Amino acid sequence: MSFLFLGMSVHGQSRKELEKRRKKLNNEIKKINNLLFETNKEKTNALDDLKDLSQKITVRERLIETIELENETLSKEIALNEKKIEQNNLELANLKADYAAMVFKSYKSKSQQSKTMFLLSSENFLQAYKRIKYIEQYKSFRKKQGQRVIAKTAEIKKLNDSLTKRKNQKKILINTEKTQKKKIENEKEEQETLVTKIKTQEGKYKKQLQKKIREEKAVAKKIDKAIRAAIAKANKGKKGKAKKGELLLSKAEKALKANFEQNKGNLPWPLDGVVTRKFGVQPHPTFKSITINSTGLHIRGKQGDVAKSIFNGKVLSITKSDKGTRSVMVQHGDYITTYSNLREVFVKKGQTITTGTSVGKIFTDRITGKTDLVFVLFKNTNRLNPSDWIRAN
């Protein structure tokens, strides 16, 4: 019995984790629909649409996989519950039989005369005392047996209720899985249509992509240059000798750096949105021959959204791109966060800010309807993966 309880506990815990994961994936799909598919677009780009759709399909596949695992766990719990009910019913039947026999036996010898005769026929006082104790113990045992029957009946009812609940949960999950599979079929058909469209105009889309990559490289180069200049300027007049491209830190800045490092993996997001591009070198999702070097995270928000500082710090530099968008660099000891593709900036160079300070309003492309923040993290002039530092979303 203890083994059965242990099994149920393990499966229950596992199912709770799966349920939590399923809810998280559902929320992610809702967010993707809101931020990637419900923006007002004057003109669509098949390449971007395919990337967004592929991202949604990937999340939906993970959701279906989670539902299947949850269903499997529920099936095991149901089987375990049914076995336990069967064992309890057998035990209850035995208890009832024993109790019925006791009641019948008590009925046959219930008269006061038979009890009196039983006591008077004792050979001595000690035997009479023992017979009195026996009668009392028999009454107590009979009462306890009756209580065990009641308790066992209640336990079986509870197990049956639990079984019904689990079966209903499984029915809902099966229906949810069917709905998700139908949706993913439609999305994959749409995906195939977009792939066909792109293949017929591959040259055009490759040119657009390469132009966009060049523009991103130019912005990254400008930010790198601004950071190197800001570091050199910040180091002027400070005691000590720093390596090229490294900040000389005051006592307060060293403390800020240590605090920043202590919060690794638990820093807030600069924008509550959907990551449309991860950090690092990666092949393009459609044109595998083209490589993208992502300097940070590309996070999709909605029109009017603002970027927020992820930690206390000081505004190190503000730059402007050829397209007119701005980038803000914030220093946290020798760590630097940059918030790019801003339409307007709310902070000034040299300003001390805190966690959650609104840095600027993110630019929304009038044609595509996209509101994308490019978030980059440096240690001095070396880029780091921001996903390792901000909390899991």
Protein backbone atom coordinates (compact mmCIF):
# COMPACT_ATOMS: atom_id res chain seq x y z
CA MET A 1 0.00 0.00 0.00
CA SER A 2 2.83 2.40 0.84
CA PHE A 3 4.34 1.61 -2.59
CA LEU A 4 1.03 2.55 -4.25
CA PHE A 5 0.88 5.84 -2.36
CA LEU A 6 4.48 6.59 -3.34
CA GLY A 7 3.69 5.88 -6.99
CA MET A 8 0.71 8.23 -6.92
CA SER A 9 2.80 10.94 -5.27
CA VAL A 10 5.54 10.72 -7.89
CA HIS A 11 3.05 10.73 -10.77
CA GLY A 12 1.02 13.54 -9.16
CA GLN A 13 4.09 15.72 -8.81
CA SER A 14 5.17 14.95 -12.37
CA ARG A 15 1.69 15.82 -13.65
CA LYS A 16 1.71 19.12 -11.76
CA GLU A 17 4.97 20.04 -13.47
CA LEU A 18 3.52 19.04 -16.86
CA GLU A 19 0.35 21.04 -16.18
CA LYS A 20 2.47 24.07 -15.29
CA ARG A 21 4.50 23.62 -18.49
CA ARG A 22 1.29 23.27 -20.57
CA LYS A 23 -0.11 26.53 -19.16
CA LYS A 24 3.19 28.27 -19.84
CA LEU A 25 3.22 27.08 -23.49
CA ASN A 26 -0.44 28.13 -23.91
CA ASN A 27 0.46 31.62 -22.67
CA GLU A 28 3.45 31.68 -25.03
CA ILE A 29 1.20 30.86 -28.01
CA LYS A 30 -1.24 33.61 -26.95
CA LYS A 31 1.66 36.06 -26.72
CA ILE A 32 2.97 35.00 -30.14
CA ASN A 33 -0.50 35.46 -31.66
CA ASN A 34 -0.86 38.90 -30.07
CA LEU A 35 2.61 40.21 -30.92
CA LEU A 36 3.53 38.39 -34.13
CA PHE A 37 0.22 37.99 -35.94
CA GLU A 38 -2.13 40.77 -34.82
CA THR A 39 -0.01 43.83 -35.70
CA ASN A 40 -1.34 46.27 -38.28
CA LYS A 41 0.71 45.71 -41.43
CA GLU A 42 0.49 47.85 -44.55
CA LYS A 43 2.71 45.36 -46.37
CA THR A 44 3.65 41.79 -45.50
CA ASN A 45 6.98 40.09 -46.04
CA ALA A 46 6.73 36.35 -46.77
CA LEU A 47 10.17 35.72 -45.24
CA ASP A 48 9.24 37.35 -41.94
CA ASP A 49 5.79 35.75 -41.97
CA LEU A 50 7.37 32.31 -42.47
CA LYS A 51 9.82 32.90 -39.58
CA ASP A 52 6.97 33.97 -37.26
CA LEU A 53 4.78 31.04 -38.31
CA SER A 54 7.62 28.54 -37.86
CA GLN A 55 8.18 29.88 -34.34
CA LYS A 56 4.50 29.37 -33.49
CA ILE A 57 4.51 25.83 -34.95
CA THR A 58 7.58 24.94 -32.84
CA VAL A 59 5.86 26.11 -29.64
CA ARG A 60 2.63 24.31 -30.60
CA GLU A 61 4.55 21.06 -31.21
CA ARG A 62 6.03 21.37 -27.71
CA LEU A 63 2.51 21.96 -26.35
CA ILE A 64 1.14 18.80 -28.06
CA GLU A 65 4.10 16.80 -26.73
CA THR A 66 3.40 18.10 -23.21
CA ILE A 67 -0.32 17.23 -23.48
CA GLU A 68 0.58 13.69 -24.61
CA LEU A 69 2.93 13.25 -21.64
CA GLU A 70 0.27 14.62 -19.28
CA ASN A 71 -2.27 12.18 -20.75
CA GLU A 72 0.16 9.29 -20.29
CA THR A 73 0.73 10.27 -16.65
CA LEU A 74 -3.03 10.56 -16.05
CA SER A 75 -3.56 7.07 -17.56
CA LYS A 76 -1.03 5.64 -15.08
CA GLU A 77 -2.73 7.44 -12.19
CA ILE A 78 -6.16 6.13 -13.31
CA ALA A 79 -4.86 2.54 -13.53
CA LEU A 80 -3.26 2.90 -10.10
CA ASN A 81 -6.47 4.34 -8.66
CA GLU A 82 -8.60 1.56 -10.13
CA LYS A 83 -6.28 -1.09 -8.64
CA LYS A 84 -6.44 0.60 -5.26
CA ILE A 85 -10.26 0.76 -5.38
CA GLU A 86 -10.38 -2.96 -6.23
CA GLN A 87 -8.14 -3.80 -3.23
CA ASN A 88 -10.22 -1.57 -0.94
CA ASN A 89 -13.50 -3.13 -2.10
CA LEU A 90 -12.11 -6.60 -1.32
CA GLU A 91 -10.98 -5.42 2.12
CA LEU A 92 -14.39 -3.81 2.73
CA ALA A 93 -16.21 -7.03 1.79
CA ASN A 94 -14.09 -8.99 4.31
CA LEU A 95 -14.70 -6.36 7.01
CA LYS A 96 -18.46 -6.46 6.41
CA ALA A 97 -18.49 -10.28 6.56
CA ASP A 98 -16.54 -10.28 9.84
CA TYR A 99 -18.77 -7.59 11.28
CA ALA A 100 -21.97 -9.44 10.25
CA ALA A 101 -20.70 -12.61 11.95
CA MET A 102 -19.95 -10.66 15.13
CA VAL A 103 -23.41 -9.03 15.13
CA PHE A 104 -25.10 -12.41 14.62
CA LYS A 105 -23.05 -14.00 17.44
CA SER A 106 -23.86 -11.06 19.75
CA TYR A 107 -27.57 -11.39 18.93
CA LYS A 108 -27.57 -15.09 19.87
CA SER A 109 -26.06 -14.33 23.28
CA LYS A 110 -27.49 -10.88 23.94
CA SER A 111 -29.82 -11.70 26.87
CA GLN A 112 -28.83 -10.39 30.27
CA GLN A 113 -29.44 -13.88 31.68
CA SER A 114 -26.81 -15.48 29.43
CA LYS A 115 -24.27 -12.81 30.43
CA THR A 116 -25.15 -13.29 34.13
CA MET A 117 -24.90 -17.06 33.84
CA PHE A 118 -21.57 -16.66 32.05
CA LEU A 119 -20.26 -14.64 35.02
CA LEU A 120 -21.89 -16.77 37.78
CA SER A 121 -20.48 -19.97 36.33
CA SER A 122 -16.98 -18.68 37.04
CA GLU A 123 -14.99 -20.93 39.34
CA ASN A 124 -13.45 -18.01 41.25
CA PHE A 125 -13.29 -14.21 41.46
CA LEU A 126 -10.28 -13.95 39.14
CA GLN A 127 -12.04 -15.91 36.41
CA ALA A 128 -15.15 -13.73 36.80
CA TYR A 129 -13.01 -10.58 36.52
CA LYS A 130 -11.37 -11.93 33.36
CA ARG A 131 -14.80 -12.74 31.87
CA ILE A 132 -16.01 -9.18 32.57
CA LYS A 133 -12.90 -7.81 30.81
CA TYR A 134 -13.51 -10.15 27.87
CA ILE A 135 -17.11 -8.88 27.46
CA GLU A 136 -15.88 -5.24 27.53
CA GLN A 137 -13.08 -5.93 25.01
CA TYR A 138 -15.51 -7.77 22.71
CA LYS A 139 -17.88 -4.76 22.77
CA SER A 140 -14.97 -2.40 22.05
CA PHE A 141 -13.66 -4.59 19.22
CA ARG A 142 -17.11 -4.80 17.64
CA LYS A 143 -17.45 -1.02 17.83
CA LYS A 144 -14.04 -0.55 16.20
CA GLN A 145 -14.92 -3.00 13.43
CA GLY A 146 -18.06 -0.98 12.71
CA GLN A 147 -15.99 2.22 12.57
CA ARG A 148 -13.49 0.55 10.20
CA VAL A 149 -16.34 -0.38 7.83
CA ILE A 150 -17.55 3.25 7.84
CA ALA A 151 -14.01 4.63 7.33
CA LYS A 152 -13.26 2.16 4.52
CA THR A 153 -16.54 3.05 2.78
CA ALA A 154 -15.64 6.78 2.96
CA GLU A 155 -12.14 6.05 1.64
CA ILE A 156 -13.53 4.17 -1.37
CA LYS A 157 -15.96 7.05 -2.09
CA LYS A 158 -13.06 9.50 -2.02
CA LEU A 159 -11.04 7.28 -4.39
CA ASN A 160 -14.02 6.99 -6.75
CA ASP A 161 -14.48 10.77 -6.77
CA SER A 162 -10.76 11.18 -7.49
CA LEU A 163 -10.99 8.63 -10.30
CA THR A 164 -13.95 10.42 -11.88
CA LYS A 165 -12.08 13.73 -11.70
CA ARG A 166 -8.99 12.23 -13.38
CA LYS A 167 -11.09 10.65 -16.14
CA ASN A 168 -12.78 14.01 -16.81
CA GLN A 169 -9.36 15.72 -16.91
CA LYS A 170 -8.16 13.14 -19.43
CA LYS A 171 -11.25 13.68 -21.58
CA ILE A 172 -10.59 17.46 -21.63
CA LEU A 173 -6.91 16.90 -22.47
CA ILE A 174 -7.77 14.54 -25.35
CA ASN A 175 -10.14 17.17 -26.80
CA THR A 176 -7.48 19.88 -26.32
CA GLU A 177 -4.91 17.72 -28.11
CA LYS A 178 -7.30 17.18 -31.05
CA THR A 179 -7.86 20.95 -31.32
CA GLN A 180 -4.11 21.68 -31.21
CA LYS A 181 -3.38 19.04 -33.86
CA LYS A 182 -6.03 20.53 -36.15
CA LYS A 183 -4.52 24.00 -35.70
CA ILE A 184 -0.99 22.78 -36.42
CA GLU A 185 -2.21 21.05 -39.61
CA ASN A 186 -3.63 24.37 -40.85
CA GLU A 187 -0.45 26.24 -39.85
CA LYS A 188 1.76 23.73 -41.66
CA GLU A 189 -0.33 24.10 -44.81
CA GLU A 190 0.15 27.87 -44.56
CA GLN A 191 3.87 27.28 -43.98
CA GLU A 192 4.14 25.20 -47.16
CA THR A 193 2.36 27.94 -49.15
CA LEU A 194 4.85 30.55 -47.88
CA VAL A 195 7.84 28.29 -48.63
CA THR A 196 6.58 27.83 -52.21
CA LYS A 197 6.10 31.60 -52.59
CA ILE A 198 9.63 32.32 -51.30
CA LYS A 199 11.21 29.72 -53.57
CA THR A 200 9.66 31.33 -56.65
CA GLN A 201 11.27 34.68 -55.68
CA GLU A 202 14.33 33.43 -53.83
CA GLY A 203 16.73 36.01 -55.33
CA LYS A 204 14.53 38.92 -54.25
CA TYR A 205 14.18 37.69 -50.67
CA LYS A 206 17.88 36.91 -50.33
CA LYS A 207 18.74 40.47 -51.38
CA GLN A 208 16.30 41.89 -48.83
CA LEU A 209 17.79 39.67 -46.12
CA GLN A 210 21.39 40.56 -46.94
CA LYS A 211 20.50 44.28 -46.92
CA LYS A 212 18.94 43.89 -43.47
CA ILE A 213 22.02 42.01 -42.19
CA ARG A 214 24.29 44.84 -43.45
CA GLU A 215 22.13 47.44 -41.67
CA GLU A 216 22.28 45.47 -38.40
CA LYS A 217 26.06 45.12 -38.72
CA ALA A 218 26.38 48.90 -39.21
CA VAL A 219 24.32 49.56 -36.03
CA ALA A 220 26.38 47.01 -34.05
CA LYS A 221 29.64 48.55 -35.31
CA LYS A 222 28.45 52.02 -34.26
CA ILE A 223 27.54 50.75 -30.77
CA ASP A 224 30.93 49.00 -30.41
CA LYS A 225 32.71 52.23 -31.37
CA ALA A 226 30.58 54.28 -28.94
CA ILE A 227 31.31 51.84 -26.08
CA ARG A 228 35.07 51.89 -26.71
CA ALA A 229 35.04 55.71 -26.78
CA ALA A 230 32.89 55.89 -23.61
CA ILE A 231 35.22 53.45 -21.79
CA ALA A 232 38.30 55.47 -22.76
CA LYS A 233 36.61 58.68 -21.59
CA ALA A 234 35.42 57.10 -18.31
CA ASN A 235 38.96 55.87 -17.53
CA LYS A 236 40.54 59.32 -17.95
CA GLY A 237 41.73 60.80 -14.68
CA LYS A 238 41.26 57.51 -12.76
CA LYS A 239 44.15 55.90 -10.91
CA GLY A 240 45.43 52.55 -12.08
CA LYS A 241 46.15 50.94 -15.39
CA ALA A 242 43.44 49.17 -17.36
CA LYS A 243 43.74 46.74 -20.24
CA LYS A 244 42.57 48.03 -23.58
CA GLY A 245 38.77 48.17 -23.72
CA GLU A 246 38.30 47.57 -19.97
CA LEU A 247 36.75 49.95 -17.46
CA LEU A 248 38.62 51.13 -14.38
CA LEU A 249 36.15 50.80 -11.51
CA SER A 250 35.70 52.89 -8.39
CA LYS A 251 34.80 51.21 -5.08
CA ALA A 252 31.08 51.94 -5.67
CA GLU A 253 31.26 50.60 -9.24
CA LYS A 254 32.92 47.39 -8.01
CA ALA A 255 30.09 46.91 -5.51
CA LEU A 256 27.52 47.49 -8.30
CA LYS A 257 29.32 44.96 -10.50
CA ALA A 258 29.26 42.36 -7.69
CA ASN A 259 25.54 42.99 -7.12
CA PHE A 260 24.86 42.63 -10.85
CA GLU A 261 26.71 39.29 -10.94
CA GLN A 262 24.84 38.01 -7.88
CA ASN A 263 21.58 38.51 -9.78
CA LYS A 264 22.68 36.44 -12.79
CA GLY A 265 19.74 34.42 -14.07
CA ASN A 266 17.24 36.52 -12.13
CA LEU A 267 17.42 39.92 -13.84
CA PRO A 268 14.12 41.31 -15.19
CA TRP A 269 13.26 41.52 -18.88
CA PRO A 270 13.72 44.87 -20.63
CA LEU A 271 10.42 44.25 -22.41
CA ASP A 272 7.55 41.83 -21.85
CA GLY A 273 7.46 40.29 -25.30
CA VAL A 274 8.42 37.38 -27.54
CA VAL A 275 12.02 36.56 -28.46
CA THR A 276 12.13 36.44 -32.28
CA ARG A 277 15.89 35.94 -32.50
CA LYS A 278 18.31 34.40 -30.02
CA PHE A 279 21.92 35.36 -29.31
CA GLY A 280 24.89 34.08 -31.30
CA VAL A 281 25.86 32.76 -34.71
CA GLN A 282 23.03 30.81 -36.34
CA PRO A 283 21.87 29.79 -39.83
CA HIS A 284 18.90 31.71 -41.19
CA PRO A 285 15.70 29.66 -40.56
CA THR A 286 14.80 29.67 -44.30
CA PHE A 287 18.07 30.19 -46.17
CA LYS A 288 20.46 27.84 -44.38
CA SER A 289 23.41 29.04 -46.51
CA ILE A 290 23.11 32.52 -44.98
CA THR A 291 24.54 32.91 -41.46
CA ILE A 292 23.27 35.45 -38.94
CA ASN A 293 25.43 36.72 -36.09
CA SER A 294 22.92 37.94 -33.56
CA THR A 295 24.55 40.41 -31.14
CA GLY A 296 21.80 39.97 -28.57
CA LEU A 297 18.10 39.20 -28.20
CA HIS A 298 15.48 40.54 -30.60
CA ILE A 299 12.30 40.97 -28.56
CA ARG A 300 8.93 41.72 -30.18
CA GLY A 301 6.57 44.01 -28.31
CA LYS A 302 3.50 46.03 -29.26
CA GLN A 303 3.16 49.60 -30.49
CA GLY A 304 3.79 52.13 -27.73
CA ASP A 305 5.93 49.76 -25.62
CA VAL A 306 8.94 51.13 -23.75
CA ALA A 307 12.27 49.49 -22.95
CA LYS A 308 13.17 49.33 -19.25
CA SER A 309 16.54 49.13 -17.54
CA ILE A 310 17.24 45.66 -16.15
CA PHE A 311 19.40 46.94 -13.27
CA ASN A 312 20.70 50.02 -11.45
CA GLY A 313 23.35 51.89 -13.41
CA LYS A 314 24.48 55.01 -15.23
CA VAL A 315 23.74 56.05 -18.84
CA LEU A 316 27.10 55.64 -20.55
CA SER A 317 26.24 56.73 -24.09
CA ILE A 318 23.39 57.40 -26.54
CA THR A 319 23.80 56.90 -30.30
CA LYS A 320 21.67 57.51 -33.38
CA SER A 321 21.55 55.21 -36.44
CA ASP A 322 21.36 56.28 -40.09
CA LYS A 323 17.64 55.37 -40.03
CA GLY A 324 17.07 57.73 -37.10
CA THR A 325 16.55 55.11 -34.39
CA ARG A 326 18.51 55.42 -31.14
CA SER A 327 20.49 53.14 -28.84
CA VAL A 328 21.03 53.67 -25.11
CA MET A 329 23.99 52.13 -23.28
CA VAL A 330 23.76 51.69 -19.50
CA GLN A 331 26.80 50.89 -17.32
CA HIS A 332 26.51 48.47 -14.36
CA GLY A 333 30.09 48.30 -13.04
CA ASP A 334 31.99 46.83 -16.00
CA TYR A 335 28.80 45.32 -17.47
CA ILE A 336 26.95 47.34 -20.13
CA THR A 337 23.41 46.80 -21.38
CA THR A 338 22.26 48.34 -24.66
CA TYR A 339 18.68 49.02 -25.75
CA SER A 340 18.48 49.57 -29.52
CA ASN A 341 15.79 50.49 -32.09
CA LEU A 342 14.27 53.22 -29.91
CA ARG A 343 12.06 55.92 -31.44
CA GLU A 344 12.60 58.33 -28.56
CA VAL A 345 14.82 58.35 -25.48
CA PHE A 346 13.71 59.26 -21.93
CA VAL A 347 17.15 59.41 -20.26
CA LYS A 348 20.28 61.55 -20.60
CA LYS A 349 23.95 60.69 -20.82
CA GLY A 350 25.53 60.48 -17.34
CA GLN A 351 22.11 60.02 -15.65
CA THR A 352 21.91 57.54 -12.77
CA ILE A 353 18.95 55.18 -13.22
CA THR A 354 17.44 52.24 -11.31
CA THR A 355 15.95 48.84 -12.18
CA GLY A 356 12.77 49.35 -14.20
CA THR A 357 13.55 52.91 -15.34
CA SER A 358 11.93 53.62 -18.73
CA VAL A 359 14.86 54.08 -21.11
CA GLY A 360 12.91 54.92 -24.26
CA LYS A 361 9.96 54.17 -26.54
CA ILE A 362 10.58 51.38 -29.06
CA PHE A 363 10.30 52.15 -32.76
CA THR A 364 7.33 50.62 -34.62
CA ASP A 365 7.81 50.06 -38.34
CA ARG A 366 4.87 51.68 -40.12
CA ILE A 367 4.98 49.22 -43.03
CA THR A 368 5.45 45.91 -41.20
CA GLY A 369 3.78 46.97 -37.94
CA LYS A 370 6.64 45.42 -35.96
CA THR A 371 7.91 46.76 -32.64
CA ASP A 372 11.31 45.13 -32.06
CA LEU A 373 13.79 45.85 -29.28
CA VAL A 374 17.38 44.70 -29.75
CA PHE A 375 18.82 43.99 -26.31
CA VAL A 376 22.58 43.40 -26.00
CA LEU A 377 24.75 42.68 -22.94
CA PHE A 378 28.50 43.41 -22.72
CA LYS A 379 31.21 42.84 -20.18
CA ASN A 380 33.49 45.73 -21.12
CA THR A 381 33.63 45.24 -24.92
CA ASN A 382 32.83 41.48 -24.97
CA ARG A 383 29.28 40.46 -25.82
CA LEU A 384 27.51 37.97 -23.53
CA ASN A 385 24.36 35.90 -24.00
CA PRO A 386 21.56 37.92 -22.29
CA SER A 387 19.47 34.74 -21.86
CA ASP A 388 21.98 33.54 -19.25
CA TRP A 389 21.37 36.66 -17.16
CA ILE A 390 17.66 37.47 -17.36
CA ARG A 391 15.13 35.25 -15.62
CA ALA A 392 13.39 32.44 -17.51
CA ASN A 393 10.26 33.79 -19.12
